[in-house]
Amino acid sequence: MSDRRVFRWATTSTRLLAGTAVSALAAVAVVTAVSVPWPTLTREPLSISTLPAPSASVVSCDGGLLSVGRDSADVDAISLAKRQVLTSGVSEGAQDPQEQVLDVPGLPEGDGPTVFTAPPRERERVDLAAAGSATATDDDLAGYAASACRPPLLESWLVGGSGETGASDLVLLANPGVVPARVQLTVYGAEGPTTPPGGTDLVVPAGEQRVVALAGLLIGEASPVVRVSAVGAAVHASLQASITRTLTPGGVDQVGVVAEPQAVQTITGVAVTRNPGAEGASDAATVLRILSPSADATAKITVTATGRDEPSLEPDDVPLTAGEPVEVDLGGLARGTYTVEVTADTPLVSAVWQATGFEEGDDFAWYTPSPLISVPSLFAVPSGPPPALTLVNPGDEPAEVSVTSADGSYRLELAVPANGSMTARLSTRTVYVLDPGTSEVRAGLSLTGNGALAGIPVWPADAASPEIVVYP
């Protein structure tokens, strides 16, 4: 071997050793960089928290009692049978609400329902409440009806009424907005949900109320439930239910909506005015209608008298088929005020039908569920028979509740027992503030008199707009 080849081999080996060492050092450096935390620089993004400008409070009323078929030349024409007497009020210190009367095709101008609007005050939403009542004494329509004026909704449910012979029920759709609303009516009956031609793509112009005969949607259906879906603008939906038995009017009611299906439905203040077996009474005068819209379920029904702990009837489990309403007879209840609770594993809608009897001069009412109230809320008591406020406390601790007239002249402090209920007497044509304190309660009004019956659930005040965060 020559000296040159030895030198070349030596230099090559040296380069290999140096490269290997450099590679090893690089690997160690990478591992170290990964395993050892590096210093970081963080900066919180700039943000601005602000409250959006509150919108005006708007509630729409049902309007007066309507009659169909009084014009022999046009049996489908509607007419105003009795105007609605209204009671309204706003938060303390706010200006009186603005009033607007909606147009109703077929009725003279000024005969439509009233809309109340309260603009915000000092960037705070103004609480607004209103309610109305009417009593009809005509040959084709008789009875007492009372209802609360409610905010318009994009979706709501009407639980009540009938499409059978003798019923003259009307679906009322009011649009207090400034743009037209397009409404779809889905009727749930014995054959499940259907969208009848008369309930498809109904256009309700801004500032108008549209009237649709319930029997025209699903004729002959004994226990319908109607879902009202609107696009373009929210609508205020309600149901005028009336019945005639062998040419004798058997009562009238204005039925409010159920805002959404829920797994717990609590119907408060159901007033039974006659004992079972009494003259003119019937053991089947109390009926519960239930619907599970989307899934089969088993509903548990509990009926409890106000102020009592033990159920008045044996709790019942009722199987439900998705999309098919079921009616349950709750007959046998003694005179008094009751809470009906319906629970299931799936969302439900429900309502209770109650009658004073089935003779001339009797009346009926549909009682709908009472939502939870956790904030001070304004509610109006309409004119009519003496009203009673039923409070239900679903919590495990007693609830300290106050009921104060909006003008501050009357105040009532109430202690509602845990998992219990109680009733307080109020005055008609008065606006009150219900403050649940730190608890959550449910509340409902019952108005009962000679041949008069109505029930109105108390809804919570609209929640204030939450803060929004802007990142510039």
Protein backbone atom coordinates (compact mmCIF):
# COMPACT_ATOMS: atom_id res chain seq x y z
CA MET A 1 0.00 0.00 0.00
CA SER A 2 1.31 3.43 -0.92
CA ASP A 3 1.52 6.38 1.42
CA ARG A 4 -1.07 8.24 -0.74
CA ARG A 5 -3.68 5.51 -0.34
CA VAL A 6 -3.05 5.38 3.40
CA PHE A 7 -3.53 9.13 3.62
CA ARG A 8 -6.72 9.02 1.53
CA TRP A 9 -8.14 6.25 3.77
CA ALA A 10 -7.18 8.18 6.88
CA THR A 11 -8.78 11.43 5.69
CA THR A 12 -11.95 9.62 4.61
CA SER A 13 -12.25 7.91 8.00
CA THR A 14 -11.79 11.22 9.72
CA ARG A 15 -14.58 12.78 7.68
CA LEU A 16 -16.92 9.87 8.50
CA LEU A 17 -16.21 10.15 12.20
CA ALA A 18 -16.77 13.92 12.14
CA GLY A 19 -20.08 13.52 10.25
CA THR A 20 -21.28 10.90 12.69
CA ALA A 21 -20.47 13.15 15.62
CA VAL A 22 -22.27 16.11 14.06
CA SER A 23 -25.38 13.95 13.39
CA ALA A 24 -25.40 12.71 16.97
CA LEU A 25 -25.10 16.25 18.31
CA ALA A 26 -27.99 17.38 16.05
CA ALA A 27 -30.23 14.53 17.28
CA VAL A 28 -29.46 15.41 20.89
CA ALA A 29 -30.25 19.07 20.17
CA VAL A 30 -33.63 18.20 18.58
CA VAL A 31 -34.62 15.94 21.46
CA THR A 32 -33.59 18.59 23.95
CA ALA A 33 -35.53 21.29 22.10
CA VAL A 34 -38.67 19.16 22.13
CA SER A 35 -38.45 18.12 25.78
CA VAL A 36 -37.38 21.45 27.28
CA PRO A 37 -40.04 24.24 27.38
CA TRP A 38 -39.11 27.25 25.29
CA PRO A 39 -39.87 30.76 26.42
CA THR A 40 -43.16 32.02 24.88
CA LEU A 41 -44.77 35.39 24.36
CA THR A 42 -48.58 35.56 24.74
CA ARG A 43 -50.94 38.46 24.23
CA GLU A 44 -54.64 38.55 25.09
CA PRO A 45 -56.67 39.63 22.06
CA LEU A 46 -58.29 43.01 22.33
CA SER A 47 -62.01 42.75 23.02
CA ILE A 48 -64.94 44.98 23.89
CA SER A 49 -67.97 43.75 25.85
CA THR A 50 -71.21 45.58 25.22
CA LEU A 51 -74.95 45.14 25.60
CA PRO A 52 -76.97 45.28 22.37
CA ALA A 53 -79.70 47.88 22.23
CA PRO A 54 -82.88 46.35 23.70
CA SER A 55 -85.86 45.93 21.43
CA ALA A 56 -89.40 47.03 22.14
CA SER A 57 -91.68 44.69 24.09
CA VAL A 58 -94.63 43.53 21.96
CA VAL A 59 -97.68 41.50 23.00
CA SER A 60 -100.60 40.64 20.76
CA CYS A 61 -104.10 39.90 22.05
CA ASP A 62 -106.61 37.37 20.74
CA GLY A 63 -109.34 39.92 20.06
CA GLY A 64 -113.07 39.67 20.61
CA LEU A 65 -115.22 36.56 20.33
CA LEU A 66 -116.03 35.66 16.73
CA SER A 67 -119.06 33.94 15.27
CA VAL A 68 -119.34 32.09 11.96
CA GLY A 69 -122.45 31.70 9.81
CA ARG A 70 -124.64 34.54 11.04
CA ASP A 71 -124.96 35.87 7.50
CA SER A 72 -127.37 33.57 5.64
CA ALA A 73 -126.02 34.83 2.34
CA ASP A 74 -122.47 33.81 3.29
CA VAL A 75 -122.35 30.98 5.83
CA ASP A 76 -118.55 31.11 5.97
CA ALA A 77 -118.43 34.81 6.90
CA ILE A 78 -117.22 35.77 10.37
CA SER A 79 -118.64 38.49 12.59
CA LEU A 80 -117.69 40.01 15.92
CA ALA A 81 -119.96 38.59 18.61
CA LYS A 82 -118.43 40.37 21.62
CA ARG A 83 -115.60 42.83 22.02
CA GLN A 84 -112.70 42.03 24.30
CA VAL A 85 -112.21 44.13 27.44
CA LEU A 86 -108.48 44.70 27.95
CA THR A 87 -106.25 45.30 30.96
CA SER A 88 -102.61 46.31 30.41
CA GLY A 89 -99.60 47.67 32.23
CA VAL A 90 -95.85 48.20 32.09
CA SER A 91 -92.88 48.27 34.43
CA GLU A 92 -92.93 50.92 37.14
CA GLY A 93 -91.85 54.30 35.79
CA ALA A 94 -92.33 53.42 32.12
CA GLN A 95 -94.70 55.22 29.79
CA ASP A 96 -98.05 53.67 28.89
CA PRO A 97 -97.77 51.20 26.00
CA GLN A 98 -98.66 52.13 22.46
CA GLU A 99 -101.77 50.48 21.00
CA GLN A 100 -102.47 49.24 17.49
CA VAL A 101 -105.57 47.45 16.19
CA LEU A 102 -104.91 44.78 13.57
CA ASP A 103 -107.07 44.35 10.47
CA VAL A 104 -109.14 41.18 10.04
CA PRO A 105 -110.45 40.43 6.52
CA GLY A 106 -114.24 40.25 6.72
CA LEU A 107 -114.55 42.47 9.82
CA PRO A 108 -115.09 46.25 9.87
CA GLU A 109 -112.04 48.38 10.57
CA GLY A 110 -111.37 48.64 14.29
CA ASP A 111 -112.91 45.24 15.19
CA GLY A 112 -109.61 43.35 15.14
CA PRO A 113 -107.29 42.39 18.02
CA THR A 114 -105.12 44.91 19.83
CA VAL A 115 -101.31 44.92 19.91
CA PHE A 116 -99.43 46.64 22.75
CA THR A 117 -95.88 47.94 22.27
CA ALA A 118 -93.56 49.34 24.95
CA PRO A 119 -90.30 50.90 23.71
CA PRO A 120 -87.16 50.45 25.84
CA ARG A 121 -86.37 53.00 28.55
CA GLU A 122 -82.79 54.14 29.19
CA ARG A 123 -81.38 51.16 27.26
CA GLU A 124 -83.41 48.72 29.34
CA ARG A 125 -86.23 46.53 28.11
CA VAL A 126 -89.63 47.42 29.53
CA ASP A 127 -91.73 44.60 30.95
CA LEU A 128 -95.22 44.58 29.43
CA ALA A 129 -98.34 42.59 30.29
CA ALA A 130 -101.91 42.58 29.04
CA ALA A 131 -104.95 40.32 29.19
CA GLY A 132 -108.49 40.43 27.90
CA SER A 133 -111.88 38.85 28.46
CA ALA A 134 -115.32 38.72 26.90
CA THR A 135 -118.70 37.21 27.75
CA ALA A 136 -121.13 36.15 25.03
CA THR A 137 -124.83 35.49 25.66
CA ASP A 138 -126.11 34.82 22.15
CA ASP A 139 -128.17 31.95 20.77
CA ASP A 140 -125.23 30.60 18.79
CA LEU A 141 -122.37 31.50 21.16
CA ALA A 142 -122.40 31.78 24.95
CA GLY A 143 -119.82 31.66 27.71
CA TYR A 144 -116.89 33.49 29.26
CA ALA A 145 -113.43 33.61 27.67
CA ALA A 146 -110.23 35.13 29.04
CA SER A 147 -106.69 35.07 27.68
CA ALA A 148 -103.33 36.75 28.05
CA CYS A 149 -101.76 38.84 25.32
CA ARG A 150 -98.49 37.15 24.33
CA PRO A 151 -95.35 37.91 22.29
CA PRO A 152 -95.41 36.51 18.74
CA LEU A 153 -93.43 33.31 18.16
CA LEU A 154 -91.87 31.56 15.18
CA GLU A 155 -93.18 28.19 16.41
CA SER A 156 -95.95 27.35 18.84
CA TRP A 157 -98.46 24.60 19.62
CA LEU A 158 -102.23 24.71 20.03
CA VAL A 159 -103.54 21.92 22.26
CA GLY A 160 -107.32 21.97 22.37
CA GLY A 161 -110.46 22.17 20.33
CA SER A 162 -112.24 19.66 18.13
CA GLY A 163 -113.21 19.08 14.52
CA GLU A 164 -116.34 17.12 15.37
CA THR A 165 -119.93 18.12 14.74
CA GLY A 166 -121.08 20.85 17.11
CA ALA A 167 -117.65 22.47 17.46
CA SER A 168 -117.01 25.79 15.74
CA ASP A 169 -113.33 26.22 16.52
CA LEU A 170 -111.16 28.86 14.87
CA VAL A 171 -107.37 29.11 14.58
CA LEU A 172 -106.33 32.76 14.89
CA LEU A 173 -103.02 33.92 13.38
CA ALA A 174 -101.97 37.52 14.08
CA ASN A 175 -98.90 39.22 12.61
CA PRO A 176 -98.00 42.37 14.59
CA GLY A 177 -94.75 42.77 12.63
CA VAL A 178 -93.83 44.93 9.65
CA VAL A 179 -93.24 42.19 7.06
CA PRO A 180 -95.53 39.34 5.92
CA ALA A 181 -95.35 35.93 7.59
CA ARG A 182 -95.70 32.60 5.84
CA VAL A 183 -97.29 30.01 8.12
CA GLN A 184 -97.49 26.22 7.99
CA LEU A 185 -100.08 24.39 10.11
CA THR A 186 -99.32 20.77 10.94
CA VAL A 187 -102.29 18.95 12.46
CA TYR A 188 -101.70 15.90 14.67
CA GLY A 189 -104.62 13.50 14.87
CA ALA A 190 -105.54 9.83 15.06
CA GLU A 191 -103.61 9.13 11.84
CA GLY A 192 -100.52 11.05 12.93
CA PRO A 193 -99.25 14.40 11.60
CA THR A 194 -100.63 15.84 8.38
CA THR A 195 -100.18 19.14 6.56
CA PRO A 196 -103.63 19.82 5.09
CA PRO A 197 -104.00 22.01 1.99
CA GLY A 198 -105.83 24.61 4.06
CA GLY A 199 -102.83 24.96 6.34
CA THR A 200 -100.04 25.16 3.76
CA ASP A 201 -98.21 28.40 2.93
CA LEU A 202 -100.70 30.69 4.63
CA VAL A 203 -99.66 34.30 4.10
CA VAL A 204 -100.45 36.59 7.04
CA PRO A 205 -99.76 40.19 5.97
CA ALA A 206 -98.13 42.59 8.39
CA GLY A 207 -100.64 44.21 10.68
CA GLU A 208 -103.36 41.60 10.08
CA GLN A 209 -105.00 38.62 11.74
CA ARG A 210 -106.06 35.62 9.68
CA VAL A 211 -108.86 33.27 10.76
CA VAL A 212 -108.85 29.56 9.79
CA ALA A 213 -111.62 27.08 10.66
CA LEU A 214 -110.15 24.13 12.56
CA ALA A 215 -112.65 21.70 11.04
CA GLY A 216 -111.43 22.75 7.59
CA LEU A 217 -107.96 21.48 8.47
CA LEU A 218 -108.95 18.00 9.71
CA ILE A 219 -112.70 17.46 9.69
CA GLY A 220 -114.06 15.01 12.23
CA GLU A 221 -110.88 14.89 14.33
CA ALA A 222 -111.87 14.66 18.00
CA SER A 223 -108.52 15.47 19.64
CA PRO A 224 -106.35 17.63 17.37
CA VAL A 225 -103.07 19.32 18.20
CA VAL A 226 -101.83 22.02 15.80
CA ARG A 227 -98.20 23.07 15.33
CA VAL A 228 -97.84 26.61 14.01
CA SER A 229 -94.57 27.33 12.16
CA ALA A 230 -93.84 30.78 10.74
CA VAL A 231 -91.10 32.23 8.55
CA GLY A 232 -90.53 35.85 7.60
CA ALA A 233 -92.13 37.16 10.81
CA ALA A 234 -93.26 35.75 14.13
CA VAL A 235 -97.00 35.30 14.67
CA HIS A 236 -99.30 35.20 17.66
CA ALA A 237 -101.43 32.08 17.42
CA SER A 238 -104.48 31.20 19.49
CA LEU A 239 -107.57 29.04 19.29
CA GLN A 240 -111.18 30.09 19.84
CA ALA A 241 -113.03 26.96 20.93
CA SER A 242 -116.82 26.79 21.21
CA ILE A 243 -119.44 24.07 21.17
CA THR A 244 -123.17 23.76 20.55
CA ARG A 245 -125.14 20.79 21.88
CA THR A 246 -128.49 20.27 20.15
CA LEU A 247 -128.81 23.98 19.35
CA THR A 248 -127.75 25.00 22.88
CA PRO A 249 -124.38 26.78 23.20
CA GLY A 250 -122.15 24.96 25.68
CA GLY A 251 -119.37 27.44 26.34
CA VAL A 252 -116.48 29.26 24.69
CA ASP A 253 -112.79 29.72 25.40
CA GLN A 254 -109.72 31.41 23.94
CA VAL A 255 -106.87 28.90 24.17
CA GLY A 256 -103.28 30.12 24.36
CA VAL A 257 -100.28 28.35 22.88
CA VAL A 258 -97.73 26.00 24.35
CA ALA A 259 -94.41 27.59 23.43
CA GLU A 260 -92.47 24.33 22.99
CA PRO A 261 -92.61 20.61 23.84
CA GLN A 262 -90.95 19.74 27.15
CA ALA A 263 -90.43 16.53 29.13
CA VAL A 264 -92.18 18.06 32.16
CA GLN A 265 -95.59 19.70 31.72
CA THR A 266 -97.16 21.28 34.83
CA ILE A 267 -100.71 22.56 34.46
CA THR A 268 -101.67 24.69 37.45
CA GLY A 269 -104.94 26.05 38.77
CA VAL A 270 -107.35 23.56 37.16
CA ALA A 271 -110.66 24.50 38.80
CA VAL A 272 -113.27 21.79 39.38
CA THR A 273 -116.51 23.57 40.25
CA ARG A 274 -118.85 20.65 40.98
CA ASN A 275 -118.51 17.42 42.90
CA PRO A 276 -118.91 14.13 40.98
CA GLY A 277 -122.51 13.03 40.84
CA ALA A 278 -123.88 16.48 41.58
CA GLU A 279 -126.76 17.76 39.51
CA GLY A 280 -125.53 18.88 36.12
CA ALA A 281 -122.04 17.45 36.75
CA SER A 282 -120.28 14.55 35.07
CA ASP A 283 -117.49 12.25 36.11
CA ALA A 284 -115.83 12.94 32.74
CA ALA A 285 -115.70 16.73 33.06
CA THR A 286 -111.90 16.77 33.39
CA VAL A 287 -109.92 15.50 30.37
CA LEU A 288 -106.18 15.63 29.70
CA ARG A 289 -104.90 15.75 26.12
CA ILE A 290 -101.25 14.72 25.51
CA LEU A 291 -99.04 14.51 22.44
CA SER A 292 -95.50 13.22 22.02
CA PRO A 293 -94.64 14.76 18.63
CA SER A 294 -91.52 12.83 17.65
CA ALA A 295 -91.08 9.57 19.62
CA ASP A 296 -93.02 6.82 21.35
CA ALA A 297 -93.12 7.40 25.08
CA THR A 298 -94.80 6.60 28.35
CA ALA A 299 -96.26 9.58 30.17
CA LYS A 300 -96.73 9.60 33.93
CA ILE A 301 -99.75 11.62 35.09
CA THR A 302 -100.05 12.97 38.63
CA VAL A 303 -103.04 15.00 39.85
CA THR A 304 -102.67 16.84 43.17
CA ALA A 305 -105.08 19.16 44.96
CA THR A 306 -103.69 22.58 45.84
CA GLY A 307 -102.19 22.58 49.32
CA ARG A 308 -102.02 18.78 49.52
CA ASP A 309 -99.06 16.42 49.32
CA GLU A 310 -100.73 13.17 48.33
CA PRO A 311 -102.09 12.74 44.78
CA SER A 312 -105.86 13.01 44.42
CA LEU A 313 -105.91 10.22 41.84
CA GLU A 314 -103.71 7.17 41.56
CA PRO A 315 -100.72 8.16 39.36
CA ASP A 316 -101.20 6.72 35.90
CA ASP A 317 -98.76 5.63 33.17
CA VAL A 318 -100.10 6.23 29.66
CA PRO A 319 -98.39 4.86 26.52
CA LEU A 320 -98.00 7.38 23.70
CA THR A 321 -97.44 6.76 20.01
CA ALA A 322 -95.34 9.39 18.25
CA GLY A 323 -97.50 11.99 16.51
CA GLU A 324 -100.86 10.71 17.83
CA PRO A 325 -102.70 12.69 20.54
CA VAL A 326 -104.17 10.78 23.48
CA GLU A 327 -106.95 11.85 25.84
CA VAL A 328 -107.13 10.67 29.45
CA ASP A 329 -110.26 10.91 31.57
CA LEU A 330 -109.50 12.51 34.96
CA GLY A 331 -113.10 12.26 36.20
CA GLY A 332 -113.98 11.77 39.83
CA LEU A 333 -112.26 14.87 41.21
CA ALA A 334 -113.98 16.67 44.07
CA ARG A 335 -114.59 20.41 43.93
CA GLY A 336 -111.32 22.33 44.29
CA THR A 337 -108.21 23.49 42.48
CA TYR A 338 -105.65 21.02 41.13
CA THR A 339 -102.22 20.73 39.57
CA VAL A 340 -101.80 18.19 36.78
CA GLU A 341 -98.20 17.13 36.09
CA VAL A 342 -97.23 15.11 33.01
CA THR A 343 -93.68 13.75 32.73
CA ALA A 344 -91.91 11.55 30.17
CA ASP A 345 -88.48 10.82 28.73
CA THR A 346 -89.33 12.73 25.55
CA PRO A 347 -90.74 16.24 24.99
CA LEU A 348 -94.53 16.54 25.20
CA VAL A 349 -97.30 19.08 24.80
CA SER A 350 -100.49 18.86 26.83
CA ALA A 351 -103.57 20.69 28.12
CA VAL A 352 -106.53 19.99 30.41
CA TRP A 353 -110.18 20.53 29.41
CA GLN A 354 -112.52 21.33 32.27
CA ALA A 355 -116.27 22.06 32.18
CA THR A 356 -118.70 23.42 34.74
CA GLY A 357 -121.33 21.05 33.34
CA PHE A 358 -123.16 20.11 30.16
CA GLU A 359 -126.39 22.07 30.38
CA GLU A 360 -127.53 25.46 29.15
CA GLY A 361 -125.55 28.20 30.88
CA ASP A 362 -122.47 26.03 31.52
CA ASP A 363 -118.98 26.89 30.34
CA PHE A 364 -115.61 25.20 29.77
CA ALA A 365 -111.93 26.10 29.70
CA TRP A 366 -108.66 24.74 28.38
CA TYR A 367 -105.77 24.96 30.88
CA THR A 368 -102.27 24.98 29.34
CA PRO A 369 -98.90 24.37 31.09
CA SER A 370 -97.26 27.02 33.26
CA PRO A 371 -93.55 27.72 32.51
CA LEU A 372 -90.94 28.14 35.24
CA ILE A 373 -90.58 31.69 36.55
CA SER A 374 -87.19 32.66 37.96
CA VAL A 375 -87.23 36.46 37.50
CA PRO A 376 -89.71 39.17 38.55
CA SER A 377 -92.51 38.98 35.98
CA LEU A 378 -95.47 41.18 35.15
CA PHE A 379 -98.91 39.67 34.55
CA ALA A 380 -102.38 41.11 34.03
CA VAL A 381 -105.67 39.90 35.50
CA PRO A 382 -108.62 40.61 33.17
CA SER A 383 -112.18 41.49 34.09
CA GLY A 384 -114.54 38.69 35.02
CA PRO A 385 -115.28 36.44 37.99
CA PRO A 386 -113.03 36.45 41.10
CA PRO A 387 -109.50 35.33 40.15
CA ALA A 388 -107.28 32.95 42.11
CA LEU A 389 -103.51 32.62 41.63
CA THR A 390 -102.12 29.12 42.12
CA LEU A 391 -98.39 28.85 42.87
CA VAL A 392 -96.43 25.61 42.55
CA ASN A 393 -92.93 25.20 43.98
CA PRO A 394 -91.06 22.29 42.31
CA GLY A 395 -87.94 22.85 44.44
CA ASP A 396 -86.77 21.06 47.58
CA GLU A 397 -86.67 24.29 49.60
CA PRO A 398 -89.53 26.65 50.52
CA ALA A 399 -90.00 29.55 48.10
CA GLU A 400 -90.52 33.09 49.36
CA VAL A 401 -92.70 34.77 46.73
CA SER A 402 -94.15 38.27 46.60
CA VAL A 403 -97.10 39.45 44.52
CA THR A 404 -97.30 43.24 44.21
CA SER A 405 -99.66 45.41 42.22
CA ALA A 406 -97.84 47.38 39.54
CA ASP A 407 -98.78 50.69 41.19
CA GLY A 408 -97.40 49.50 44.54
CA SER A 409 -100.70 49.84 46.41
CA TYR A 410 -100.96 46.11 47.23
CA ARG A 411 -98.34 43.58 48.31
CA LEU A 412 -98.70 39.96 49.33
CA GLU A 413 -95.90 37.84 50.79
CA LEU A 414 -96.30 34.09 50.29
CA ALA A 415 -94.29 31.10 51.53
CA VAL A 416 -94.82 28.23 49.10
CA PRO A 417 -93.73 24.93 50.70
CA ALA A 418 -91.10 22.74 49.07
CA ASN A 419 -92.65 20.49 46.40
CA GLY A 420 -95.98 22.06 47.32
CA SER A 421 -98.61 24.54 46.17
CA MET A 422 -100.92 27.23 47.46
CA THR A 423 -103.60 29.64 46.22
CA ALA A 424 -104.02 33.40 46.72
CA ARG A 425 -106.99 35.61 45.87
CA LEU A 426 -106.40 38.62 43.60
CA SER A 427 -108.42 41.46 42.10
CA THR A 428 -109.72 41.74 38.55
CA ARG A 429 -108.51 44.37 36.06
CA THR A 430 -105.19 44.72 37.86
CA VAL A 431 -101.55 44.30 36.80
CA TYR A 432 -99.23 42.52 39.23
CA VAL A 433 -95.52 41.72 39.59
CA LEU A 434 -94.71 38.17 40.67
CA ASP A 435 -91.24 37.98 42.26
CA PRO A 436 -90.05 34.40 43.02
CA GLY A 437 -87.00 35.65 44.95
CA THR A 438 -84.17 33.13 44.68
CA SER A 439 -86.50 30.25 43.76
CA GLU A 440 -88.29 29.02 40.67
CA VAL A 441 -92.05 28.66 40.70
CA ARG A 442 -94.94 28.01 38.34
CA ALA A 443 -98.13 30.04 38.45
CA GLY A 444 -101.57 30.06 36.87
CA LEU A 445 -104.75 32.12 37.12
CA SER A 446 -108.18 30.57 37.54
CA LEU A 447 -111.33 32.65 37.01
CA THR A 448 -114.50 30.86 38.08
CA GLY A 449 -118.05 32.06 38.53
CA ASN A 450 -121.64 31.16 37.80
CA GLY A 451 -121.50 29.74 34.29
CA ALA A 452 -117.99 31.14 33.74
CA LEU A 453 -114.64 29.36 33.65
CA ALA A 454 -111.19 30.33 32.35
CA GLY A 455 -107.53 29.65 33.08
CA ILE A 456 -104.41 31.65 32.16
CA PRO A 457 -100.84 30.48 32.86
CA VAL A 458 -98.37 33.13 34.00
CA TRP A 459 -95.35 33.38 31.73
CA PRO A 460 -91.94 34.71 32.81
CA ALA A 461 -90.74 38.12 31.70
CA ASP A 462 -88.57 38.20 28.59
CA ALA A 463 -84.92 37.73 29.49
CA ALA A 464 -82.64 40.69 28.95
CA SER A 465 -80.22 40.50 26.02
CA PRO A 466 -76.87 38.98 27.07
CA GLU A 467 -73.59 40.76 26.60
CA ILE A 468 -71.83 40.33 23.26
CA VAL A 469 -68.03 40.41 22.87
CA VAL A 470 -66.50 42.23 19.89
CA TYR A 471 -62.91 41.51 18.76
CA PRO A 472 -61.60 44.46 16.72
